[in-house]
Amino acid sequence: MAQFRLQGSKVLAVDLMGDAVKARNGSMVAYSGQMSFKKLSGGGDGLRGMVTRRLTGEQMVVMEVRGQGTCYFADRATEVNLVRLNGETLYVEADNLLCTEATLHTGTSFAGLHGMTSGNGLFTTKVEGQGWAAVMSDGPAIILRVSQGMPLRVDPGAYIAHTGNLNRNFKSGAGFSTFFGEGGGEAMQVEFVGDGLVYVQPSERVTIGGDV
């Protein structure tokens, strides 16, 4: 089993003993030992995943890294957050997924109107199974709990990922100042309802509609 650990806050170190991981293409910054690198088209599992990504416009080129030793991954000096999956499903923006164990299955999931946040259409990346995933954030991520009767609203540009039994809906955040033409730029939000965890970064990516 591949061992995931952080080397500082912005580099992922993965110890391999003949097993493999799937990582964002070009994210390897160093390695020791014997490694092989193989580009995987589409980013999903098999032909279905590849075709789905082409149809939905969710662009994510990944590589398979296999070998004996330690491989180091990073991307644009962003923060790296480790997520351990034990049969759960991780939903994550494609731009924020750095690396997963090869045992995890990746694909796409319909995200409804929320898909407009990343500019990748109406779909988001889905990671399932048992193993580690590494998620990137622009600044240290915070993990927010959503419980029954306590919904959470998140700025679309700050959302990274979520796990658990959550439903998400695109909502208007119009408030008093918005009606008087003095909105603070937070008129559109994503609401999470149910039970689970939401990962949020302390910065806002540019969405398909600009500032929201």
N, C-alpha and C. Protein backbone atom coordinates (compact mmCIF):
# COMPACT_ATOMS: atom_id res chain seq x y z
N MET A 1 0.85 -1.19 0.00
CA MET A 1 0.00 0.00 0.00
C MET A 1 0.88 1.24 0.00
N ALA A 2 0.57 2.19 -0.88
CA ALA A 2 1.32 3.45 -0.93
C ALA A 2 1.10 4.23 0.36
N GLN A 3 2.17 4.84 0.86
CA GLN A 3 2.09 5.64 2.08
C GLN A 3 2.16 7.13 1.72
N PHE A 4 1.12 7.87 2.04
CA PHE A 4 1.05 9.30 1.77
C PHE A 4 1.47 10.07 3.02
N ARG A 5 2.32 11.08 2.84
CA ARG A 5 2.69 11.96 3.96
C ARG A 5 3.06 13.33 3.39
N LEU A 6 2.95 14.33 4.25
CA LEU A 6 3.28 15.69 3.83
C LEU A 6 4.74 16.00 4.12
N GLN A 7 5.38 16.66 3.17
CA GLN A 7 6.73 17.16 3.35
C GLN A 7 6.60 18.68 3.40
N GLY A 8 6.43 19.22 4.62
CA GLY A 8 5.98 20.61 4.71
C GLY A 8 4.49 20.64 4.41
N SER A 9 3.98 21.79 4.03
CA SER A 9 2.54 21.90 3.74
C SER A 9 2.23 21.92 2.25
N LYS A 10 3.26 21.97 1.40
CA LYS A 10 3.02 22.16 -0.03
C LYS A 10 3.59 21.06 -0.92
N VAL A 11 4.13 20.03 -0.28
CA VAL A 11 4.69 18.90 -1.04
C VAL A 11 4.14 17.60 -0.48
N LEU A 12 3.67 16.74 -1.38
CA LEU A 12 3.20 15.41 -1.01
C LEU A 12 4.32 14.41 -1.27
N ALA A 13 4.68 13.63 -0.25
CA ALA A 13 5.64 12.54 -0.41
C ALA A 13 4.88 11.22 -0.37
N VAL A 14 5.13 10.36 -1.36
CA VAL A 14 4.47 9.07 -1.43
C VAL A 14 5.54 7.98 -1.46
N ASP A 15 5.50 7.10 -0.47
CA ASP A 15 6.42 5.96 -0.41
C ASP A 15 5.79 4.77 -1.12
N LEU A 16 6.48 4.26 -2.13
CA LEU A 16 5.96 3.16 -2.94
C LEU A 16 6.83 1.92 -2.76
N MET A 17 6.16 0.76 -2.72
CA MET A 17 6.86 -0.51 -2.63
C MET A 17 6.32 -1.45 -3.71
N GLY A 18 6.49 -1.02 -4.96
CA GLY A 18 6.01 -1.80 -6.08
C GLY A 18 4.59 -1.48 -6.49
N ASP A 19 3.89 -0.64 -5.71
CA ASP A 19 2.52 -0.27 -6.04
C ASP A 19 2.51 1.03 -6.85
N ALA A 20 1.33 1.60 -7.04
CA ALA A 20 1.21 2.75 -7.93
C ALA A 20 0.26 3.79 -7.39
N VAL A 21 0.40 5.01 -7.88
CA VAL A 21 -0.53 6.10 -7.61
C VAL A 21 -0.86 6.78 -8.93
N LYS A 22 -1.96 7.52 -8.92
CA LYS A 22 -2.33 8.35 -10.07
C LYS A 22 -2.21 9.81 -9.63
N ALA A 23 -1.49 10.61 -10.41
CA ALA A 23 -1.22 11.99 -10.02
C ALA A 23 -1.44 12.93 -11.21
N ARG A 24 -1.64 14.19 -10.89
CA ARG A 24 -1.77 15.22 -11.94
C ARG A 24 -0.52 15.19 -12.81
N ASN A 25 -0.71 15.17 -14.11
CA ASN A 25 0.41 15.11 -15.03
C ASN A 25 1.34 16.31 -14.83
N GLY A 26 2.65 16.06 -14.69
CA GLY A 26 3.62 17.12 -14.51
C GLY A 26 3.82 17.57 -13.09
N SER A 27 3.17 16.89 -12.11
CA SER A 27 3.25 17.34 -10.72
C SER A 27 4.43 16.73 -9.96
N MET A 28 5.14 15.77 -10.57
CA MET A 28 6.30 15.19 -9.90
C MET A 28 7.42 16.23 -9.85
N VAL A 29 7.96 16.47 -8.64
CA VAL A 29 9.06 17.43 -8.49
C VAL A 29 10.38 16.75 -8.17
N ALA A 30 10.34 15.51 -7.64
CA ALA A 30 11.56 14.77 -7.35
C ALA A 30 11.18 13.33 -7.00
N TYR A 31 12.16 12.42 -7.11
CA TYR A 31 11.93 11.06 -6.64
C TYR A 31 13.25 10.39 -6.36
N SER A 32 13.21 9.40 -5.48
CA SER A 32 14.37 8.56 -5.20
C SER A 32 13.96 7.11 -5.39
N GLY A 33 14.88 6.27 -5.86
CA GLY A 33 14.54 4.89 -6.13
C GLY A 33 14.28 4.66 -7.60
N GLN A 34 13.55 3.60 -7.89
CA GLN A 34 13.22 3.23 -9.27
C GLN A 34 11.75 3.50 -9.53
N MET A 35 11.47 4.41 -10.46
CA MET A 35 10.10 4.81 -10.77
C MET A 35 9.84 4.74 -12.27
N SER A 36 8.61 4.42 -12.62
CA SER A 36 8.16 4.51 -14.02
C SER A 36 6.96 5.43 -14.08
N PHE A 37 6.84 6.19 -15.18
CA PHE A 37 5.78 7.17 -15.33
C PHE A 37 5.03 6.89 -16.63
N LYS A 38 3.71 6.82 -16.53
CA LYS A 38 2.89 6.51 -17.69
C LYS A 38 1.71 7.47 -17.74
N LYS A 39 1.59 8.20 -18.85
CA LYS A 39 0.48 9.15 -19.01
C LYS A 39 -0.80 8.39 -19.26
N LEU A 40 -1.87 8.79 -18.54
CA LEU A 40 -3.19 8.19 -18.70
C LEU A 40 -4.13 9.20 -19.33
N SER A 41 -4.75 8.84 -20.43
CA SER A 41 -5.65 9.78 -21.11
C SER A 41 -6.97 9.86 -20.39
N GLY A 42 -7.50 11.06 -20.25
CA GLY A 42 -8.85 11.25 -19.75
C GLY A 42 -8.98 11.39 -18.26
N GLY A 43 -8.22 10.65 -17.48
CA GLY A 43 -8.28 10.78 -16.04
C GLY A 43 -9.28 9.88 -15.35
N GLY A 44 -10.22 9.30 -16.10
CA GLY A 44 -11.18 8.40 -15.49
C GLY A 44 -10.70 6.97 -15.57
N ASP A 45 -11.45 6.04 -15.05
CA ASP A 45 -11.08 4.63 -15.08
C ASP A 45 -11.59 4.00 -16.36
N GLY A 46 -10.69 3.60 -17.23
CA GLY A 46 -11.06 2.90 -18.45
C GLY A 46 -11.68 3.80 -19.51
N LEU A 47 -12.22 3.14 -20.54
CA LEU A 47 -12.78 3.87 -21.69
C LEU A 47 -13.97 4.72 -21.29
N ARG A 48 -14.82 4.22 -20.40
CA ARG A 48 -16.00 4.97 -20.00
C ARG A 48 -15.61 6.29 -19.35
N GLY A 49 -14.61 6.24 -18.44
CA GLY A 49 -14.17 7.46 -17.79
C GLY A 49 -13.59 8.45 -18.79
N MET A 50 -12.82 7.94 -19.77
CA MET A 50 -12.20 8.81 -20.75
C MET A 50 -13.27 9.49 -21.61
N VAL A 51 -14.24 8.72 -22.08
CA VAL A 51 -15.29 9.28 -22.92
C VAL A 51 -16.13 10.28 -22.14
N THR A 52 -16.46 9.94 -20.88
CA THR A 52 -17.27 10.84 -20.06
C THR A 52 -16.59 12.18 -19.91
N ARG A 53 -15.29 12.18 -19.64
CA ARG A 53 -14.58 13.43 -19.46
C ARG A 53 -14.55 14.24 -20.75
N ARG A 54 -14.43 13.59 -21.88
CA ARG A 54 -14.43 14.31 -23.15
C ARG A 54 -15.79 14.97 -23.40
N LEU A 55 -16.85 14.25 -23.08
CA LEU A 55 -18.20 14.77 -23.30
C LEU A 55 -18.54 15.92 -22.35
N THR A 56 -18.09 15.81 -21.10
CA THR A 56 -18.45 16.82 -20.11
C THR A 56 -17.51 18.01 -20.10
N GLY A 57 -16.35 17.87 -20.73
CA GLY A 57 -15.41 18.98 -20.73
C GLY A 57 -14.56 19.05 -19.48
N GLU A 58 -14.65 18.05 -18.61
CA GLU A 58 -13.85 18.03 -17.38
C GLU A 58 -12.44 17.58 -17.75
N GLN A 59 -11.52 18.53 -17.86
CA GLN A 59 -10.17 18.24 -18.32
C GLN A 59 -9.25 17.93 -17.16
N MET A 60 -8.68 16.73 -17.17
CA MET A 60 -7.76 16.35 -16.11
C MET A 60 -6.83 15.29 -16.66
N VAL A 61 -5.61 15.68 -17.00
CA VAL A 61 -4.63 14.74 -17.51
C VAL A 61 -3.84 14.19 -16.34
N VAL A 62 -3.80 12.86 -16.20
CA VAL A 62 -3.12 12.24 -15.06
C VAL A 62 -2.05 11.28 -15.55
N MET A 63 -1.16 10.91 -14.64
CA MET A 63 -0.12 9.93 -14.95
C MET A 63 -0.12 8.87 -13.86
N GLU A 64 0.29 7.67 -14.24
CA GLU A 64 0.47 6.60 -13.28
C GLU A 64 1.95 6.54 -12.91
N VAL A 65 2.22 6.55 -11.61
CA VAL A 65 3.59 6.45 -11.10
C VAL A 65 3.70 5.14 -10.34
N ARG A 66 4.64 4.30 -10.76
CA ARG A 66 4.80 2.98 -10.14
C ARG A 66 6.29 2.74 -9.85
N GLY A 67 6.58 2.08 -8.72
CA GLY A 67 7.97 1.76 -8.47
C GLY A 67 8.29 1.48 -7.02
N GLN A 68 9.59 1.55 -6.74
CA GLN A 68 10.12 1.34 -5.40
C GLN A 68 10.88 2.59 -4.99
N GLY A 69 10.45 3.23 -3.91
CA GLY A 69 11.12 4.43 -3.46
C GLY A 69 10.13 5.49 -3.02
N THR A 70 10.53 6.73 -3.11
CA THR A 70 9.69 7.86 -2.69
C THR A 70 9.57 8.85 -3.83
N CYS A 71 8.34 9.27 -4.10
CA CYS A 71 8.09 10.27 -5.14
C CYS A 71 7.44 11.49 -4.49
N TYR A 72 7.84 12.67 -4.94
CA TYR A 72 7.36 13.92 -4.38
C TYR A 72 6.53 14.67 -5.41
N PHE A 73 5.36 15.15 -4.98
CA PHE A 73 4.44 15.85 -5.88
C PHE A 73 4.09 17.23 -5.33
N ALA A 74 3.93 18.19 -6.23
CA ALA A 74 3.50 19.54 -5.86
C ALA A 74 2.97 20.22 -7.11
N ASP A 75 2.21 21.29 -6.90
CA ASP A 75 1.67 22.03 -8.03
C ASP A 75 1.48 23.50 -7.66
N ARG A 76 2.24 24.37 -8.28
CA ARG A 76 2.12 25.83 -8.11
C ARG A 76 2.21 26.29 -6.66
N ALA A 77 2.94 25.56 -5.85
CA ALA A 77 3.15 25.91 -4.44
C ALA A 77 1.83 26.01 -3.67
N THR A 78 0.82 25.26 -4.10
CA THR A 78 -0.44 25.24 -3.37
C THR A 78 -0.33 24.32 -2.16
N GLU A 79 -1.21 24.53 -1.19
CA GLU A 79 -1.24 23.68 0.00
C GLU A 79 -1.79 22.31 -0.36
N VAL A 80 -1.28 21.28 0.31
CA VAL A 80 -1.74 19.91 0.07
C VAL A 80 -2.47 19.40 1.30
N ASN A 81 -3.64 18.81 1.09
CA ASN A 81 -4.47 18.29 2.17
C ASN A 81 -4.71 16.81 1.93
N LEU A 82 -4.46 15.98 2.94
CA LEU A 82 -4.66 14.54 2.81
C LEU A 82 -6.07 14.15 3.24
N VAL A 83 -6.71 13.31 2.42
CA VAL A 83 -8.05 12.82 2.71
C VAL A 83 -8.01 11.29 2.68
N ARG A 84 -8.39 10.65 3.78
CA ARG A 84 -8.43 9.19 3.85
C ARG A 84 -9.85 8.72 3.59
N LEU A 85 -10.02 7.87 2.57
CA LEU A 85 -11.33 7.33 2.25
C LEU A 85 -11.42 5.89 2.71
N ASN A 86 -12.49 5.57 3.40
CA ASN A 86 -12.76 4.21 3.86
C ASN A 86 -14.12 3.76 3.33
N GLY A 87 -14.21 3.75 2.00
CA GLY A 87 -15.46 3.38 1.36
C GLY A 87 -16.35 4.55 1.03
N GLU A 88 -15.98 5.75 1.50
CA GLU A 88 -16.79 6.93 1.19
C GLU A 88 -16.47 7.43 -0.24
N THR A 89 -17.22 8.44 -0.64
CA THR A 89 -16.99 9.10 -1.92
C THR A 89 -16.53 10.52 -1.68
N LEU A 90 -15.47 10.90 -2.37
CA LEU A 90 -14.97 12.27 -2.33
C LEU A 90 -15.36 12.96 -3.63
N TYR A 91 -16.06 14.10 -3.51
CA TYR A 91 -16.37 14.93 -4.66
C TYR A 91 -15.42 16.12 -4.63
N VAL A 92 -14.69 16.35 -5.71
CA VAL A 92 -13.65 17.38 -5.69
C VAL A 92 -13.57 18.06 -7.05
N GLU A 93 -13.31 19.37 -7.03
CA GLU A 93 -13.09 20.09 -8.26
C GLU A 93 -11.85 19.52 -8.94
N ALA A 94 -11.91 19.31 -10.25
CA ALA A 94 -10.80 18.67 -10.97
C ALA A 94 -9.50 19.43 -10.78
N ASP A 95 -9.56 20.75 -10.74
CA ASP A 95 -8.35 21.55 -10.59
C ASP A 95 -7.69 21.39 -9.23
N ASN A 96 -8.41 20.80 -8.26
CA ASN A 96 -7.89 20.68 -6.90
C ASN A 96 -7.40 19.28 -6.55
N LEU A 97 -7.49 18.34 -7.47
CA LEU A 97 -7.07 16.97 -7.18
C LEU A 97 -5.63 16.77 -7.63
N LEU A 98 -4.75 16.43 -6.67
CA LEU A 98 -3.33 16.26 -6.97
C LEU A 98 -2.95 14.81 -7.21
N CYS A 99 -3.39 13.90 -6.32
CA CYS A 99 -2.91 12.52 -6.40
C CYS A 99 -3.87 11.60 -5.65
N THR A 100 -4.00 10.35 -6.13
CA THR A 100 -4.78 9.33 -5.44
C THR A 100 -4.05 8.00 -5.50
N GLU A 101 -4.36 7.15 -4.55
CA GLU A 101 -3.87 5.78 -4.66
C GLU A 101 -4.51 5.14 -5.88
N ALA A 102 -3.77 4.24 -6.52
CA ALA A 102 -4.28 3.59 -7.73
C ALA A 102 -5.49 2.72 -7.44
N THR A 103 -5.66 2.33 -6.17
CA THR A 103 -6.81 1.49 -5.81
C THR A 103 -8.12 2.27 -5.80
N LEU A 104 -8.05 3.59 -5.79
CA LEU A 104 -9.26 4.41 -5.79
C LEU A 104 -9.78 4.57 -7.22
N HIS A 105 -11.09 4.58 -7.35
CA HIS A 105 -11.72 4.75 -8.65
C HIS A 105 -12.09 6.22 -8.85
N THR A 106 -11.78 6.76 -10.02
CA THR A 106 -12.12 8.15 -10.33
C THR A 106 -13.08 8.19 -11.51
N GLY A 107 -13.96 9.16 -11.48
CA GLY A 107 -14.91 9.34 -12.56
C GLY A 107 -15.51 10.72 -12.48
N THR A 108 -16.69 10.88 -13.04
CA THR A 108 -17.37 12.18 -13.01
C THR A 108 -18.76 12.03 -12.43
N SER A 109 -19.25 13.12 -11.86
CA SER A 109 -20.57 13.13 -11.25
C SER A 109 -21.29 14.42 -11.63
N PHE A 110 -22.59 14.31 -11.89
CA PHE A 110 -23.38 15.50 -12.22
C PHE A 110 -23.46 16.41 -11.02
N ALA A 111 -23.13 17.67 -11.21
CA ALA A 111 -23.09 18.62 -10.10
C ALA A 111 -24.18 19.67 -10.18
N GLY A 112 -25.04 19.59 -11.19
CA GLY A 112 -26.09 20.60 -11.34
C GLY A 112 -25.50 21.96 -11.62
N LEU A 113 -26.16 22.99 -11.15
CA LEU A 113 -25.69 24.35 -11.41
C LEU A 113 -24.35 24.63 -10.78
N HIS A 114 -23.99 23.86 -9.73
CA HIS A 114 -22.71 24.11 -9.08
C HIS A 114 -21.53 23.92 -10.03
N GLY A 115 -21.72 23.12 -11.09
CA GLY A 115 -20.63 22.89 -12.02
C GLY A 115 -20.10 24.15 -12.67
N MET A 116 -20.88 25.22 -12.66
CA MET A 116 -20.44 26.46 -13.29
C MET A 116 -19.30 27.11 -12.53
N THR A 117 -19.03 26.70 -11.29
CA THR A 117 -18.01 27.36 -10.50
C THR A 117 -16.62 27.18 -11.07
N SER A 118 -16.34 26.03 -11.65
CA SER A 118 -14.99 25.75 -12.13
C SER A 118 -14.84 26.02 -13.61
N GLY A 119 -15.94 26.29 -14.30
CA GLY A 119 -15.85 26.48 -15.73
C GLY A 119 -15.75 25.17 -16.48
N ASN A 120 -15.94 24.04 -15.80
CA ASN A 120 -15.81 22.74 -16.43
C ASN A 120 -17.14 22.12 -16.80
N GLY A 121 -18.21 22.91 -16.84
CA GLY A 121 -19.50 22.35 -17.17
C GLY A 121 -20.28 21.98 -15.93
N LEU A 122 -21.17 20.98 -16.07
CA LEU A 122 -22.06 20.62 -14.98
C LEU A 122 -21.60 19.37 -14.23
N PHE A 123 -20.32 19.04 -14.31
CA PHE A 123 -19.83 17.82 -13.70
C PHE A 123 -18.63 18.10 -12.79
N THR A 124 -18.45 17.24 -11.81
CA THR A 124 -17.30 17.35 -10.91
C THR A 124 -16.66 15.97 -10.80
N THR A 125 -15.43 15.92 -10.27
CA THR A 125 -14.70 14.66 -10.18
C THR A 125 -15.14 13.89 -8.94
N LYS A 126 -15.29 12.57 -9.11
CA LYS A 126 -15.72 11.69 -8.03
C LYS A 126 -14.62 10.66 -7.78
N VAL A 127 -14.22 10.51 -6.50
CA VAL A 127 -13.19 9.54 -6.11
C VAL A 127 -13.81 8.59 -5.09
N GLU A 128 -13.69 7.28 -5.34
CA GLU A 128 -14.36 6.30 -4.48
C GLU A 128 -13.42 5.16 -4.11
N GLY A 129 -13.66 4.56 -2.94
CA GLY A 129 -12.94 3.36 -2.54
C GLY A 129 -12.20 3.49 -1.23
N GLN A 130 -11.15 2.68 -1.09
CA GLN A 130 -10.34 2.64 0.12
C GLN A 130 -8.94 3.15 -0.23
N GLY A 131 -8.51 4.21 0.44
CA GLY A 131 -7.16 4.71 0.19
C GLY A 131 -7.04 6.20 0.40
N TRP A 132 -5.86 6.72 0.04
CA TRP A 132 -5.55 8.13 0.24
C TRP A 132 -5.77 8.94 -1.03
N ALA A 133 -6.21 10.18 -0.82
CA ALA A 133 -6.27 11.17 -1.90
C ALA A 133 -5.64 12.45 -1.38
N ALA A 134 -4.99 13.18 -2.27
CA ALA A 134 -4.38 14.46 -1.91
C ALA A 134 -5.09 15.57 -2.68
N VAL A 135 -5.61 16.53 -1.93
CA VAL A 135 -6.39 17.63 -2.50
C VAL A 135 -5.64 18.94 -2.27
N MET A 136 -5.58 19.77 -3.30
CA MET A 136 -4.86 21.03 -3.21
C MET A 136 -5.80 22.18 -2.85
N SER A 137 -5.24 23.20 -2.19
CA SER A 137 -6.01 24.41 -1.88
C SER A 137 -5.10 25.62 -1.98
N ASP A 138 -5.69 26.74 -2.34
CA ASP A 138 -4.95 28.00 -2.41
C ASP A 138 -4.95 28.61 -1.02
N GLY A 139 -3.95 28.28 -0.22
CA GLY A 139 -3.92 28.63 1.19
C GLY A 139 -4.40 27.45 2.02
N PRO A 140 -4.17 27.46 3.34
CA PRO A 140 -4.58 26.35 4.19
C PRO A 140 -6.09 26.13 4.15
N ALA A 141 -6.51 24.92 3.84
CA ALA A 141 -7.94 24.63 3.76
C ALA A 141 -8.55 24.51 5.15
N ILE A 142 -9.82 24.82 5.24
CA ILE A 142 -10.58 24.55 6.46
C ILE A 142 -11.63 23.49 6.15
N ILE A 143 -11.92 22.66 7.15
CA ILE A 143 -12.89 21.58 6.98
C ILE A 143 -14.10 21.91 7.84
N LEU A 144 -15.24 22.05 7.21
CA LEU A 144 -16.46 22.48 7.90
C LEU A 144 -17.46 21.33 7.96
N ARG A 145 -18.02 21.10 9.15
CA ARG A 145 -18.99 20.03 9.37
C ARG A 145 -20.39 20.51 9.02
N VAL A 146 -21.12 19.69 8.28
CA VAL A 146 -22.53 19.94 8.01
C VAL A 146 -23.32 18.84 8.69
N SER A 147 -24.33 19.21 9.46
CA SER A 147 -25.16 18.23 10.15
C SER A 147 -26.63 18.50 9.86
N GLN A 148 -27.47 17.55 10.18
CA GLN A 148 -28.90 17.68 9.94
C GLN A 148 -29.44 18.92 10.66
N GLY A 149 -30.16 19.73 9.94
CA GLY A 149 -30.74 20.94 10.50
C GLY A 149 -29.80 22.11 10.56
N MET A 150 -28.52 21.91 10.13
CA MET A 150 -27.53 22.98 10.15
C MET A 150 -26.85 23.06 8.79
N PRO A 151 -27.56 23.59 7.79
CA PRO A 151 -26.98 23.68 6.44
C PRO A 151 -25.81 24.66 6.39
N LEU A 152 -25.00 24.52 5.37
CA LEU A 152 -23.83 25.36 5.19
C LEU A 152 -23.88 26.00 3.81
N ARG A 153 -23.57 27.29 3.75
CA ARG A 153 -23.46 27.97 2.46
C ARG A 153 -22.02 28.39 2.22
N VAL A 154 -21.54 28.14 0.99
CA VAL A 154 -20.14 28.37 0.65
C VAL A 154 -20.07 29.20 -0.63
N ASP A 155 -19.12 30.11 -0.68
CA ASP A 155 -18.86 30.84 -1.92
C ASP A 155 -18.39 29.83 -2.98
N PRO A 156 -18.97 29.84 -4.18
CA PRO A 156 -18.60 28.85 -5.20
C PRO A 156 -17.12 28.84 -5.52
N GLY A 157 -16.47 30.01 -5.51
CA GLY A 157 -15.06 30.07 -5.84
C GLY A 157 -14.14 29.56 -4.75
N ALA A 158 -14.67 29.38 -3.52
CA ALA A 158 -13.86 28.91 -2.40
C ALA A 158 -14.04 27.41 -2.16
N TYR A 159 -15.06 26.81 -2.75
CA TYR A 159 -15.32 25.38 -2.56
C TYR A 159 -14.22 24.54 -3.21
N ILE A 160 -13.77 23.50 -2.49
CA ILE A 160 -12.78 22.56 -3.01
C ILE A 160 -13.38 21.17 -3.21
N ALA A 161 -13.96 20.64 -2.11
CA ALA A 161 -14.39 19.25 -2.14
C ALA A 161 -15.36 18.99 -1.00
N HIS A 162 -16.02 17.82 -1.05
CA HIS A 162 -16.84 17.41 0.09
C HIS A 162 -16.97 15.89 0.13
N THR A 163 -17.27 15.38 1.32
CA THR A 163 -17.56 13.97 1.53
C THR A 163 -18.81 13.85 2.38
N GLY A 164 -19.39 12.67 2.38
CA GLY A 164 -20.55 12.43 3.22
C GLY A 164 -21.85 12.43 2.43
N ASN A 165 -22.94 12.34 3.17
CA ASN A 165 -24.27 12.30 2.57
C ASN A 165 -24.81 13.72 2.48
N LEU A 166 -24.38 14.44 1.46
CA LEU A 166 -24.73 15.84 1.32
C LEU A 166 -25.44 16.10 -0.01
N ASN A 167 -26.45 16.95 0.06
CA ASN A 167 -27.08 17.48 -1.15
C ASN A 167 -26.63 18.93 -1.31
N ARG A 168 -26.36 19.35 -2.53
CA ARG A 168 -25.93 20.73 -2.77
C ARG A 168 -26.83 21.39 -3.79
N ASN A 169 -27.09 22.65 -3.51
CA ASN A 169 -27.98 23.43 -4.36
C ASN A 169 -27.39 24.82 -4.56
N PHE A 170 -27.62 25.36 -5.73
CA PHE A 170 -27.17 26.71 -6.03
C PHE A 170 -28.22 27.68 -5.50
N LYS A 171 -27.78 28.64 -4.65
CA LYS A 171 -28.71 29.54 -4.01
C LYS A 171 -28.35 31.00 -4.24
N SER A 172 -29.35 31.85 -4.18
CA SER A 172 -29.12 33.29 -4.19
C SER A 172 -28.84 33.74 -2.78
N GLY A 173 -27.78 34.53 -2.62
CA GLY A 173 -27.43 35.04 -1.29
C GLY A 173 -27.82 36.49 -1.12
N ALA A 174 -28.77 36.95 -1.92
CA ALA A 174 -29.15 38.35 -1.88
C ALA A 174 -29.59 38.77 -0.49
N GLY A 175 -29.05 39.87 -0.03
CA GLY A 175 -29.39 40.40 1.29
C GLY A 175 -29.82 41.84 1.19
N PHE A 176 -29.88 42.50 2.32
CA PHE A 176 -30.36 43.87 2.40
C PHE A 176 -29.57 44.80 1.48
N SER A 177 -28.22 44.72 1.54
CA SER A 177 -27.41 45.64 0.74
C SER A 177 -27.55 45.38 -0.74
N THR A 178 -27.81 44.10 -1.12
CA THR A 178 -27.95 43.78 -2.54
C THR A 178 -29.13 44.50 -3.15
N PHE A 179 -30.23 44.61 -2.39
CA PHE A 179 -31.42 45.26 -2.92
C PHE A 179 -31.18 46.74 -3.18
N PHE A 180 -30.21 47.33 -2.50
CA PHE A 180 -29.93 48.76 -2.68
C PHE A 180 -28.72 48.98 -3.58
N GLY A 181 -28.33 47.92 -4.33
CA GLY A 181 -27.25 48.08 -5.28
C GLY A 181 -25.88 48.15 -4.65
N GLU A 182 -25.73 47.67 -3.41
CA GLU A 182 -24.44 47.71 -2.74
C GLU A 182 -24.02 46.31 -2.30
N GLY A 183 -24.28 45.34 -3.18
CA GLY A 183 -23.94 43.96 -2.86
C GLY A 183 -22.45 43.79 -2.67
N GLY A 184 -22.08 42.87 -1.80
CA GLY A 184 -20.68 42.63 -1.50
C GLY A 184 -20.04 41.58 -2.37
N GLY A 185 -20.68 41.20 -3.49
CA GLY A 185 -20.09 40.21 -4.37
C GLY A 185 -20.35 38.78 -3.94
N GLU A 186 -21.29 38.53 -3.04
CA GLU A 186 -21.56 37.19 -2.54
C GLU A 186 -23.00 36.78 -2.85
N ALA A 187 -23.53 37.23 -4.01
CA ALA A 187 -24.94 37.01 -4.31
C ALA A 187 -25.26 35.57 -4.63
N MET A 188 -24.28 34.78 -5.08
CA MET A 188 -24.51 33.38 -5.42
C MET A 188 -23.69 32.48 -4.49
N GLN A 189 -24.34 31.45 -3.97
CA GLN A 189 -23.70 30.57 -3.01
C GLN A 189 -24.12 29.13 -3.28
N VAL A 190 -23.32 28.19 -2.78
CA VAL A 190 -23.67 26.78 -2.84
C VAL A 190 -24.09 26.35 -1.45
N GLU A 191 -25.30 25.80 -1.33
CA GLU A 191 -25.82 25.35 -0.04
C GLU A 191 -25.67 23.83 0.08
N PHE A 192 -25.09 23.38 1.19
CA PHE A 192 -24.94 21.96 1.49
C PHE A 192 -25.88 21.58 2.62
N VAL A 193 -26.66 20.53 2.40
CA VAL A 193 -27.64 20.06 3.38
C VAL A 193 -27.42 18.57 3.60
N GLY A 194 -27.44 18.13 4.84
CA GLY A 194 -27.28 16.72 5.15
C GLY A 194 -26.26 16.49 6.24
N ASP A 195 -25.39 15.51 6.04
CA ASP A 195 -24.38 15.15 7.03
C ASP A 195 -23.07 14.85 6.31
N GLY A 196 -22.04 15.65 6.57
CA GLY A 196 -20.76 15.43 5.91
C GLY A 196 -19.78 16.56 6.17
N LEU A 197 -18.70 16.55 5.41
CA LEU A 197 -17.63 17.53 5.55
C LEU A 197 -17.44 18.28 4.24
N VAL A 198 -17.18 19.58 4.35
CA VAL A 198 -16.93 20.42 3.18
C VAL A 198 -15.56 21.07 3.33
N TYR A 199 -14.74 20.97 2.30
CA TYR A 199 -13.40 21.56 2.29
C TYR A 199 -13.45 22.90 1.55
N VAL A 200 -12.95 23.94 2.22
CA VAL A 200 -13.03 25.30 1.68
C VAL A 200 -11.64 25.93 1.72
N GLN A 201 -11.25 26.63 0.65
CA GLN A 201 -9.96 27.31 0.63
C GLN A 201 -10.15 28.80 0.94
N PRO A 202 -9.13 29.46 1.53
CA PRO A 202 -9.25 30.86 1.93
C PRO A 202 -8.97 31.83 0.78
N SER A 203 -9.43 31.48 -0.42
CA SER A 203 -9.33 32.37 -1.57
C SER A 203 -10.41 31.96 -2.54
N GLU A 204 -10.67 32.78 -3.53
CA GLU A 204 -11.76 32.51 -4.44
C GLU A 204 -11.24 32.44 -5.86
N ARG A 205 -11.45 31.28 -6.51
CA ARG A 205 -11.07 31.15 -7.92
C ARG A 205 -12.03 31.98 -8.77
N VAL A 206 -11.61 32.33 -9.95
CA VAL A 206 -12.48 33.05 -10.88
C VAL A 206 -13.46 32.06 -11.46
N THR A 207 -14.75 32.32 -11.31
CA THR A 207 -15.76 31.42 -11.82
C THR A 207 -16.09 31.79 -13.25
N ILE A 208 -16.92 30.93 -13.87
CA ILE A 208 -17.24 31.13 -15.27
C ILE A 208 -17.98 32.44 -15.51
N GLY A 209 -18.65 32.93 -14.48
CA GLY A 209 -19.38 34.18 -14.62
C GLY A 209 -18.64 35.37 -14.00
N GLY A 210 -17.36 35.17 -13.65
CA GLY A 210 -16.61 36.23 -13.01
C GLY A 210 -16.87 36.24 -11.52
N ASP A 211 -16.78 37.40 -10.89
CA ASP A 211 -17.04 37.48 -9.45
C ASP A 211 -18.49 37.21 -9.16
N VAL A 212 -18.74 36.39 -8.12
CA VAL A 212 -20.12 36.13 -7.72
C VAL A 212 -20.26 36.38 -6.22
